[in-house]
Amino acid sequence: MFRDWRKTEKGIFDELEREMEQMNELMNHMMTQLGKEPQVYGFSVQVGPEGIPHVERFGNVLPVGKDHDVREPFASSIVNEKDNELNITAEMPGIEKKDIEVNATESEIVIKAEGNGRKYYKSIAAPSPVEPDSAKAKYNNGVLEVTLRLKESDKPKGKKIDIE
């Protein structure tokens, strides 16, 4: 049954205080159920040189059915057309260089890491074919940088046709 809030001693503030206490209790209960590992989810939006926005997500809050111990690192991939390279930067704090594994094919780069109680996994689709043998990687202060050379396109150069 609805109670008229104007008839309480503090008016609406008494009801608001009670509601806030209930919400606080629910939040405390929910947070203790999550465990010790913080829940991370985010996304980044970058506008590439061609003017098209690229949206990438990161974190350890993954779709249902995936391993929730694994965190997807924040990563950005940029095509450097001047040097004909794909540059990937991934943030993976709290692990050591020896714990990182990077695998590349012509169409995909996979980054895995496990160490110090942390797990990271990220699969990045190459925007155009890359040369896996050209890959170079550096890891410093929790940031992994991977550089791959883009494959030369096999497109025919064509022939100029004169117009009469």
Protein backbone atom coordinates (compact mmCIF):
# COMPACT_ATOMS: atom_id res chain seq x y z
CA MET A 1 0.00 0.00 0.00
CA PHE A 2 1.32 3.42 -0.92
CA ARG A 3 2.20 5.64 2.02
CA ASP A 4 1.82 9.41 1.67
CA TRP A 5 5.38 10.79 1.92
CA ARG A 6 4.11 14.14 3.25
CA LYS A 7 2.88 12.53 6.49
CA THR A 8 6.33 11.31 7.59
CA GLU A 9 8.43 13.35 9.99
CA LYS A 10 11.12 14.24 7.44
CA GLY A 11 8.84 14.18 4.42
CA ILE A 12 10.30 12.76 1.24
CA PHE A 13 13.85 12.76 2.65
CA ASP A 14 13.05 9.93 5.08
CA GLU A 15 11.90 7.74 2.17
CA LEU A 16 14.91 8.70 0.04
CA GLU A 17 17.29 7.84 2.87
CA ARG A 18 15.69 4.40 3.26
CA GLU A 19 15.91 3.77 -0.49
CA MET A 20 19.56 4.83 -0.55
CA GLU A 21 20.38 2.46 2.32
CA GLN A 22 18.75 -0.43 0.46
CA MET A 23 20.64 0.42 -2.73
CA ASN A 24 23.91 0.64 -0.77
CA GLU A 25 23.30 -2.80 0.78
CA LEU A 26 22.53 -4.29 -2.65
CA MET A 27 25.67 -2.75 -4.17
CA ASN A 28 27.85 -4.03 -1.29
CA HIS A 29 26.40 -7.52 -1.72
CA MET A 30 26.92 -7.42 -5.48
CA MET A 31 30.52 -6.22 -5.17
CA THR A 32 31.45 -8.97 -2.70
CA GLN A 33 30.04 -11.57 -5.12
CA LEU A 34 32.33 -10.41 -7.96
CA GLY A 35 35.50 -11.72 -6.34
CA LYS A 36 38.92 -10.16 -5.95
CA GLU A 37 39.69 -9.41 -9.61
CA PRO A 38 38.36 -6.02 -10.73
CA GLN A 39 35.88 -6.02 -13.59
CA VAL A 40 37.15 -3.97 -16.52
CA TYR A 41 35.29 -3.03 -19.70
CA GLY A 42 35.88 -0.21 -22.08
CA PHE A 43 36.13 0.79 -25.69
CA SER A 44 38.19 3.18 -27.71
CA VAL A 45 37.27 5.09 -30.82
CA GLN A 46 40.03 6.20 -33.14
CA VAL A 47 39.67 7.92 -36.47
CA GLY A 48 42.13 6.48 -38.95
CA PRO A 49 43.97 8.42 -41.63
CA GLU A 50 41.20 7.59 -44.11
CA GLY A 51 38.67 9.34 -41.85
CA ILE A 52 36.80 6.17 -40.83
CA PRO A 53 36.28 5.63 -37.08
CA HIS A 54 37.54 2.34 -35.62
CA VAL A 55 35.90 1.05 -32.43
CA GLU A 56 37.70 -1.54 -30.31
CA ARG A 57 36.67 -2.96 -26.97
CA PHE A 58 38.89 -4.17 -24.13
CA GLY A 59 38.60 -5.57 -20.61
CA ASN A 60 37.75 -8.80 -18.82
CA VAL A 61 33.97 -8.49 -19.02
CA LEU A 62 33.41 -10.70 -22.04
CA PRO A 63 30.35 -12.18 -23.71
CA VAL A 64 28.75 -15.19 -22.03
CA GLY A 65 30.60 -18.45 -22.51
CA LYS A 66 34.11 -16.97 -22.63
CA ASP A 67 36.85 -17.37 -20.00
CA HIS A 68 36.27 -14.59 -17.45
CA ASP A 69 39.81 -14.86 -16.04
CA VAL A 70 41.22 -13.50 -19.29
CA ARG A 71 41.39 -9.76 -19.82
CA GLU A 72 41.32 -8.28 -23.29
CA PRO A 73 44.02 -5.58 -23.31
CA PHE A 74 43.44 -2.11 -24.67
CA ALA A 75 45.02 -2.15 -28.11
CA SER A 76 45.19 0.19 -31.07
CA SER A 77 46.23 -0.64 -34.59
CA ILE A 78 47.26 2.01 -37.09
CA VAL A 79 48.30 1.59 -40.71
CA ASN A 80 51.32 3.73 -41.50
CA GLU A 81 50.97 4.16 -45.27
CA LYS A 82 54.19 6.20 -45.51
CA ASP A 83 56.33 3.32 -44.16
CA ASN A 84 53.92 0.62 -45.44
CA GLU A 85 53.53 -0.84 -41.91
CA LEU A 86 50.87 -1.92 -39.44
CA ASN A 87 51.64 -0.65 -35.92
CA ILE A 88 49.88 -2.31 -32.96
CA THR A 89 50.12 -1.04 -29.39
CA ALA A 90 48.66 -3.11 -26.52
CA GLU A 91 48.61 -2.23 -22.82
CA MET A 92 49.28 -5.27 -20.60
CA PRO A 93 50.43 -4.11 -17.16
CA GLY A 94 51.63 -6.52 -14.49
CA ILE A 95 53.34 -9.14 -16.65
CA GLU A 96 56.88 -9.76 -17.80
CA LYS A 97 58.28 -9.88 -21.33
CA LYS A 98 58.95 -13.64 -21.08
CA ASP A 99 55.22 -14.27 -20.44
CA ILE A 100 54.07 -12.74 -23.76
CA GLU A 101 53.41 -14.70 -26.94
CA VAL A 102 52.66 -12.96 -30.26
CA ASN A 103 51.59 -14.96 -33.34
CA ALA A 104 50.89 -13.52 -36.77
CA THR A 105 49.38 -14.73 -40.00
CA GLU A 106 48.72 -12.68 -43.11
CA SER A 107 45.27 -11.74 -41.83
CA GLU A 108 45.44 -11.87 -38.00
CA ILE A 109 47.70 -11.04 -35.07
CA VAL A 110 47.11 -12.89 -31.78
CA ILE A 111 48.54 -11.60 -28.50
CA LYS A 112 48.56 -13.90 -25.44
CA ALA A 113 50.13 -13.37 -22.04
CA GLU A 114 49.93 -15.14 -18.71
CA GLY A 115 51.94 -14.32 -15.62
CA ASN A 116 51.77 -12.90 -12.09
CA GLY A 117 48.15 -14.04 -11.79
CA ARG A 118 47.04 -12.15 -14.90
CA LYS A 119 45.93 -13.42 -18.30
CA TYR A 120 45.57 -11.39 -21.48
CA TYR A 121 44.27 -12.38 -24.91
CA LYS A 122 43.59 -10.26 -27.99
CA SER A 123 43.01 -11.21 -31.62
CA ILE A 124 43.44 -8.35 -34.08
CA ALA A 125 42.33 -8.66 -37.69
CA ALA A 126 44.81 -7.09 -40.08
CA PRO A 127 43.16 -4.38 -42.21
CA SER A 128 45.16 -5.64 -45.21
CA PRO A 129 47.53 -8.62 -45.64
CA VAL A 130 50.78 -8.41 -43.66
CA GLU A 131 54.11 -10.22 -43.88
CA PRO A 132 54.35 -12.31 -40.67
CA ASP A 133 58.12 -12.80 -41.12
CA SER A 134 58.68 -9.03 -40.90
CA ALA A 135 57.19 -8.76 -37.37
CA LYS A 136 59.11 -6.89 -34.69
CA ALA A 137 57.93 -6.53 -31.10
CA LYS A 138 59.05 -4.48 -28.07
CA TYR A 139 57.69 -4.58 -24.49
CA ASN A 140 58.41 -1.81 -22.01
CA ASN A 141 56.56 -0.65 -18.87
CA GLY A 142 53.43 -2.69 -19.59
CA VAL A 143 53.12 -1.60 -23.23
CA LEU A 144 53.65 -4.01 -26.13
CA GLU A 145 54.46 -2.55 -29.56
CA VAL A 146 54.26 -4.79 -32.64
CA THR A 147 55.22 -3.65 -36.14
CA LEU A 148 54.50 -5.65 -39.30
CA ARG A 149 55.22 -4.77 -42.91
CA LEU A 150 52.18 -4.69 -45.19
CA LYS A 151 52.27 -7.03 -48.18
CA GLU A 152 52.77 -5.46 -51.55
CA SER A 153 49.48 -5.49 -53.39
CA ASP A 154 49.23 -7.78 -56.38
CA LYS A 155 46.93 -5.38 -58.18
CA PRO A 156 47.81 -4.90 -61.83
CA LYS A 157 49.10 -1.43 -62.47
CA GLY A 158 46.99 -1.17 -65.60
CA LYS A 159 47.64 0.56 -68.87
CA LYS A 160 46.69 4.06 -69.84
CA ILE A 161 44.22 4.12 -72.67
CA ASP A 162 44.29 7.06 -75.04
CA ILE A 163 40.94 8.56 -75.95
CA GLU A 164 40.43 9.51 -79.61
